[in-house]
Amino acid sequence: MKLIVGLGNPGEKYEHTRHNLGFMVVEKFLKDYHDVEKTEWSDEKKFKAAISQITWRSKKGVDIPLVLVKPKTYMNNSGLAVSLIASFY
């Protein structure tokens, strides 16, 4: 299992800004390598993050379970969310 964390800031104020580049990279990955329409995000309050678990098939045909994470904390506090998630998984 691999953990992919896209850092950003919550709220509409930061959408489509450099402050949310990490969120945008996760969304781009989903668009390019997974069916975005089938991707379900769950709001995990205990982790202070939105989480999606998917399986990604590598170029070698190996299925790799991924946990995609978009912390709901501001950038300066994202370490808390990442720490909670990393210790759980």
N, C-alpha and C. Protein backbone atom coordinates (compact mmCIF):
# COMPACT_ATOMS: atom_id res chain seq x y z
N MET A 1 0.84 -1.17 0.00
CA MET A 1 0.00 0.00 0.00
C MET A 1 0.89 1.24 0.00
N LYS A 2 0.48 2.20 -0.80
CA LYS A 2 1.20 3.47 -0.90
C LYS A 2 0.27 4.59 -0.45
N LEU A 3 0.84 5.56 0.22
CA LEU A 3 0.11 6.73 0.68
C LEU A 3 0.54 7.93 -0.15
N ILE A 4 -0.42 8.57 -0.81
CA ILE A 4 -0.13 9.76 -1.61
C ILE A 4 -0.90 10.92 -1.01
N VAL A 5 -0.17 11.91 -0.53
CA VAL A 5 -0.78 13.06 0.13
C VAL A 5 -0.61 14.30 -0.73
N GLY A 6 -1.71 14.93 -1.05
CA GLY A 6 -1.68 16.20 -1.78
C GLY A 6 -1.95 17.33 -0.79
N LEU A 7 -0.96 18.16 -0.58
CA LEU A 7 -1.13 19.24 0.39
C LEU A 7 -1.85 20.44 -0.22
N GLY A 8 -2.61 21.12 0.60
CA GLY A 8 -3.34 22.30 0.15
C GLY A 8 -4.01 22.98 1.32
N ASN A 9 -4.77 23.99 1.03
CA ASN A 9 -5.53 24.72 2.04
C ASN A 9 -7.01 24.52 1.79
N PRO A 10 -7.80 24.35 2.86
CA PRO A 10 -9.24 24.16 2.67
C PRO A 10 -9.94 25.47 2.29
N GLY A 11 -11.07 25.33 1.64
CA GLY A 11 -11.90 26.49 1.34
C GLY A 11 -11.80 26.97 -0.10
N GLU A 12 -12.88 27.58 -0.54
CA GLU A 12 -12.96 28.08 -1.92
C GLU A 12 -11.94 29.17 -2.21
N LYS A 13 -11.54 29.89 -1.18
CA LYS A 13 -10.59 30.99 -1.36
C LYS A 13 -9.29 30.52 -2.02
N TYR A 14 -8.92 29.27 -1.76
CA TYR A 14 -7.64 28.76 -2.26
C TYR A 14 -7.76 27.86 -3.48
N GLU A 15 -9.00 27.57 -3.92
CA GLU A 15 -9.16 26.71 -5.09
C GLU A 15 -8.43 27.30 -6.29
N HIS A 16 -7.78 26.45 -7.04
CA HIS A 16 -7.08 26.83 -8.27
C HIS A 16 -5.97 27.87 -8.03
N THR A 17 -5.35 27.82 -6.86
CA THR A 17 -4.21 28.69 -6.57
C THR A 17 -3.00 27.82 -6.26
N ARG A 18 -1.83 28.44 -6.21
CA ARG A 18 -0.61 27.68 -5.91
C ARG A 18 -0.67 27.05 -4.53
N HIS A 19 -1.54 27.57 -3.66
CA HIS A 19 -1.67 27.02 -2.32
C HIS A 19 -2.28 25.62 -2.34
N ASN A 20 -2.92 25.27 -3.43
CA ASN A 20 -3.57 23.96 -3.53
C ASN A 20 -2.95 23.08 -4.62
N LEU A 21 -1.72 23.33 -4.93
CA LEU A 21 -1.06 22.54 -5.98
C LEU A 21 -1.08 21.05 -5.66
N GLY A 22 -0.89 20.69 -4.41
CA GLY A 22 -0.92 19.27 -4.03
C GLY A 22 -2.26 18.63 -4.30
N PHE A 23 -3.35 19.33 -3.99
CA PHE A 23 -4.69 18.81 -4.29
C PHE A 23 -4.84 18.62 -5.79
N MET A 24 -4.35 19.59 -6.56
CA MET A 24 -4.48 19.53 -8.02
C MET A 24 -3.68 18.36 -8.60
N VAL A 25 -2.52 18.06 -8.03
CA VAL A 25 -1.71 16.93 -8.50
C VAL A 25 -2.45 15.62 -8.26
N VAL A 26 -3.07 15.47 -7.10
CA VAL A 26 -3.84 14.25 -6.81
C VAL A 26 -5.00 14.12 -7.80
N GLU A 27 -5.70 15.20 -8.06
CA GLU A 27 -6.81 15.17 -9.03
C GLU A 27 -6.32 14.84 -10.44
N LYS A 28 -5.18 15.38 -10.83
CA LYS A 28 -4.59 15.09 -12.15
C LYS A 28 -4.21 13.62 -12.24
N PHE A 29 -3.63 13.07 -11.18
CA PHE A 29 -3.29 11.65 -11.15
C PHE A 29 -4.55 10.82 -11.38
N LEU A 30 -5.62 11.15 -10.67
CA LEU A 30 -6.87 10.41 -10.83
C LEU A 30 -7.40 10.52 -12.25
N LYS A 31 -7.33 11.70 -12.81
CA LYS A 31 -7.82 11.91 -14.17
C LYS A 31 -7.04 11.08 -15.18
N ASP A 32 -5.73 11.01 -15.00
CA ASP A 32 -4.87 10.31 -15.95
C ASP A 32 -4.80 8.80 -15.75
N TYR A 33 -4.94 8.34 -14.51
CA TYR A 33 -4.67 6.93 -14.22
C TYR A 33 -5.81 6.17 -13.55
N HIS A 34 -6.93 6.80 -13.34
CA HIS A 34 -8.04 6.13 -12.66
C HIS A 34 -9.34 6.77 -13.15
N ASP A 35 -10.43 6.09 -12.94
CA ASP A 35 -11.73 6.63 -13.33
C ASP A 35 -12.20 7.61 -12.26
N VAL A 36 -12.09 8.89 -12.54
CA VAL A 36 -12.43 9.94 -11.57
C VAL A 36 -13.88 9.81 -11.13
N GLU A 37 -14.76 9.46 -12.05
CA GLU A 37 -16.19 9.36 -11.73
C GLU A 37 -16.46 8.27 -10.69
N LYS A 38 -15.61 7.25 -10.65
CA LYS A 38 -15.80 6.15 -9.70
C LYS A 38 -15.03 6.36 -8.40
N THR A 39 -14.29 7.44 -8.33
CA THR A 39 -13.50 7.71 -7.13
C THR A 39 -14.39 8.31 -6.06
N GLU A 40 -14.41 7.67 -4.90
CA GLU A 40 -15.21 8.16 -3.79
C GLU A 40 -14.29 8.69 -2.70
N TRP A 41 -14.54 9.91 -2.28
CA TRP A 41 -13.79 10.53 -1.19
C TRP A 41 -14.64 10.45 0.07
N SER A 42 -14.01 10.06 1.17
CA SER A 42 -14.71 10.07 2.45
C SER A 42 -14.06 11.12 3.34
N ASP A 43 -14.90 11.86 4.03
CA ASP A 43 -14.42 12.90 4.94
C ASP A 43 -14.14 12.23 6.29
N GLU A 44 -12.88 11.98 6.56
CA GLU A 44 -12.47 11.27 7.78
C GLU A 44 -12.07 12.29 8.84
N LYS A 45 -13.01 12.59 9.73
CA LYS A 45 -12.75 13.59 10.77
C LYS A 45 -11.62 13.16 11.70
N LYS A 46 -11.51 11.84 11.97
CA LYS A 46 -10.45 11.38 12.88
C LYS A 46 -9.06 11.61 12.29
N PHE A 47 -8.97 11.73 10.96
CA PHE A 47 -7.70 11.99 10.30
C PHE A 47 -7.56 13.45 9.86
N LYS A 48 -8.64 14.22 9.99
CA LYS A 48 -8.65 15.61 9.54
C LYS A 48 -8.31 15.69 8.05
N ALA A 49 -8.94 14.78 7.26
CA ALA A 49 -8.60 14.70 5.84
C ALA A 49 -9.72 14.02 5.05
N ALA A 50 -9.70 14.27 3.75
CA ALA A 50 -10.52 13.52 2.80
C ALA A 50 -9.64 12.39 2.28
N ILE A 51 -10.19 11.18 2.24
CA ILE A 51 -9.41 10.00 1.86
C ILE A 51 -10.15 9.21 0.79
N SER A 52 -9.37 8.68 -0.15
CA SER A 52 -9.91 7.78 -1.16
C SER A 52 -8.96 6.60 -1.30
N GLN A 53 -9.51 5.40 -1.27
CA GLN A 53 -8.69 4.20 -1.45
C GLN A 53 -8.99 3.63 -2.83
N ILE A 54 -7.95 3.49 -3.62
CA ILE A 54 -8.11 2.97 -4.98
C ILE A 54 -7.04 1.90 -5.23
N THR A 55 -7.22 1.19 -6.32
CA THR A 55 -6.19 0.27 -6.79
C THR A 55 -5.71 0.78 -8.14
N TRP A 56 -4.41 0.93 -8.24
CA TRP A 56 -3.80 1.44 -9.47
C TRP A 56 -3.00 0.32 -10.11
N ARG A 57 -3.19 0.13 -11.40
CA ARG A 57 -2.45 -0.90 -12.13
C ARG A 57 -1.23 -0.26 -12.77
N SER A 58 -0.04 -0.74 -12.38
CA SER A 58 1.20 -0.18 -12.92
C SER A 58 1.40 -0.61 -14.37
N LYS A 59 2.39 -0.02 -15.03
CA LYS A 59 2.70 -0.39 -16.41
C LYS A 59 3.12 -1.84 -16.52
N LYS A 60 3.63 -2.40 -15.42
CA LYS A 60 4.04 -3.80 -15.40
C LYS A 60 2.87 -4.74 -15.10
N GLY A 61 1.67 -4.18 -14.94
CA GLY A 61 0.49 -4.99 -14.70
C GLY A 61 0.30 -5.38 -13.24
N VAL A 62 1.00 -4.72 -12.35
CA VAL A 62 0.89 -5.02 -10.92
C VAL A 62 -0.15 -4.09 -10.29
N ASP A 63 -1.10 -4.67 -9.56
CA ASP A 63 -2.09 -3.86 -8.86
C ASP A 63 -1.50 -3.34 -7.56
N ILE A 64 -1.57 -2.03 -7.38
CA ILE A 64 -1.00 -1.39 -6.20
C ILE A 64 -2.11 -0.64 -5.47
N PRO A 65 -2.39 -1.02 -4.21
CA PRO A 65 -3.38 -0.27 -3.45
C PRO A 65 -2.82 1.09 -3.05
N LEU A 66 -3.62 2.13 -3.28
CA LEU A 66 -3.21 3.49 -2.95
C LEU A 66 -4.23 4.12 -2.00
N VAL A 67 -3.72 4.90 -1.08
CA VAL A 67 -4.57 5.74 -0.24
C VAL A 67 -4.24 7.18 -0.63
N LEU A 68 -5.21 7.86 -1.22
CA LEU A 68 -5.03 9.25 -1.62
C LEU A 68 -5.59 10.14 -0.51
N VAL A 69 -4.85 11.18 -0.19
CA VAL A 69 -5.22 12.01 0.96
C VAL A 69 -5.18 13.49 0.59
N LYS A 70 -6.22 14.20 1.01
CA LYS A 70 -6.24 15.66 0.91
C LYS A 70 -6.56 16.18 2.31
N PRO A 71 -5.52 16.60 3.05
CA PRO A 71 -5.76 17.08 4.42
C PRO A 71 -6.74 18.25 4.44
N LYS A 72 -7.53 18.31 5.50
CA LYS A 72 -8.49 19.40 5.68
C LYS A 72 -7.90 20.50 6.58
N THR A 73 -6.61 20.40 6.83
CA THR A 73 -5.93 21.40 7.65
C THR A 73 -5.22 22.38 6.71
N TYR A 74 -4.83 23.51 7.24
CA TYR A 74 -4.05 24.45 6.44
C TYR A 74 -2.63 23.90 6.28
N MET A 75 -1.94 24.35 5.26
CA MET A 75 -0.60 23.85 4.93
C MET A 75 0.31 23.76 6.15
N ASN A 76 0.33 24.80 6.96
CA ASN A 76 1.24 24.84 8.10
C ASN A 76 0.91 23.79 9.16
N ASN A 77 -0.31 23.25 9.11
CA ASN A 77 -0.73 22.25 10.09
C ASN A 77 -0.94 20.88 9.47
N SER A 78 -0.55 20.69 8.23
CA SER A 78 -0.82 19.43 7.53
C SER A 78 -0.06 18.25 8.14
N GLY A 79 1.02 18.52 8.84
CA GLY A 79 1.78 17.43 9.47
C GLY A 79 0.93 16.63 10.44
N LEU A 80 -0.01 17.27 11.11
CA LEU A 80 -0.89 16.56 12.04
C LEU A 80 -1.72 15.52 11.31
N ALA A 81 -2.38 15.93 10.22
CA ALA A 81 -3.21 15.00 9.45
C ALA A 81 -2.36 13.88 8.86
N VAL A 82 -1.23 14.22 8.30
CA VAL A 82 -0.36 13.20 7.69
C VAL A 82 0.13 12.22 8.74
N SER A 83 0.49 12.70 9.91
CA SER A 83 0.95 11.83 10.99
C SER A 83 -0.14 10.87 11.43
N LEU A 84 -1.36 11.36 11.59
CA LEU A 84 -2.48 10.50 11.99
C LEU A 84 -2.73 9.40 10.96
N ILE A 85 -2.72 9.77 9.70
CA ILE A 85 -2.99 8.80 8.63
C ILE A 85 -1.85 7.80 8.49
N ALA A 86 -0.62 8.29 8.50
CA ALA A 86 0.54 7.40 8.34
C ALA A 86 0.62 6.39 9.48
N SER A 87 0.31 6.80 10.69
CA SER A 87 0.38 5.86 11.81
C SER A 87 -0.76 4.84 11.76
N PHE A 88 -1.89 5.20 11.15
CA PHE A 88 -3.01 4.27 11.01
C PHE A 88 -2.73 3.22 9.95
N TYR A 89 -2.21 3.65 8.82
CA TYR A 89 -1.94 2.73 7.71
C TYR A 89 -0.56 2.14 7.82
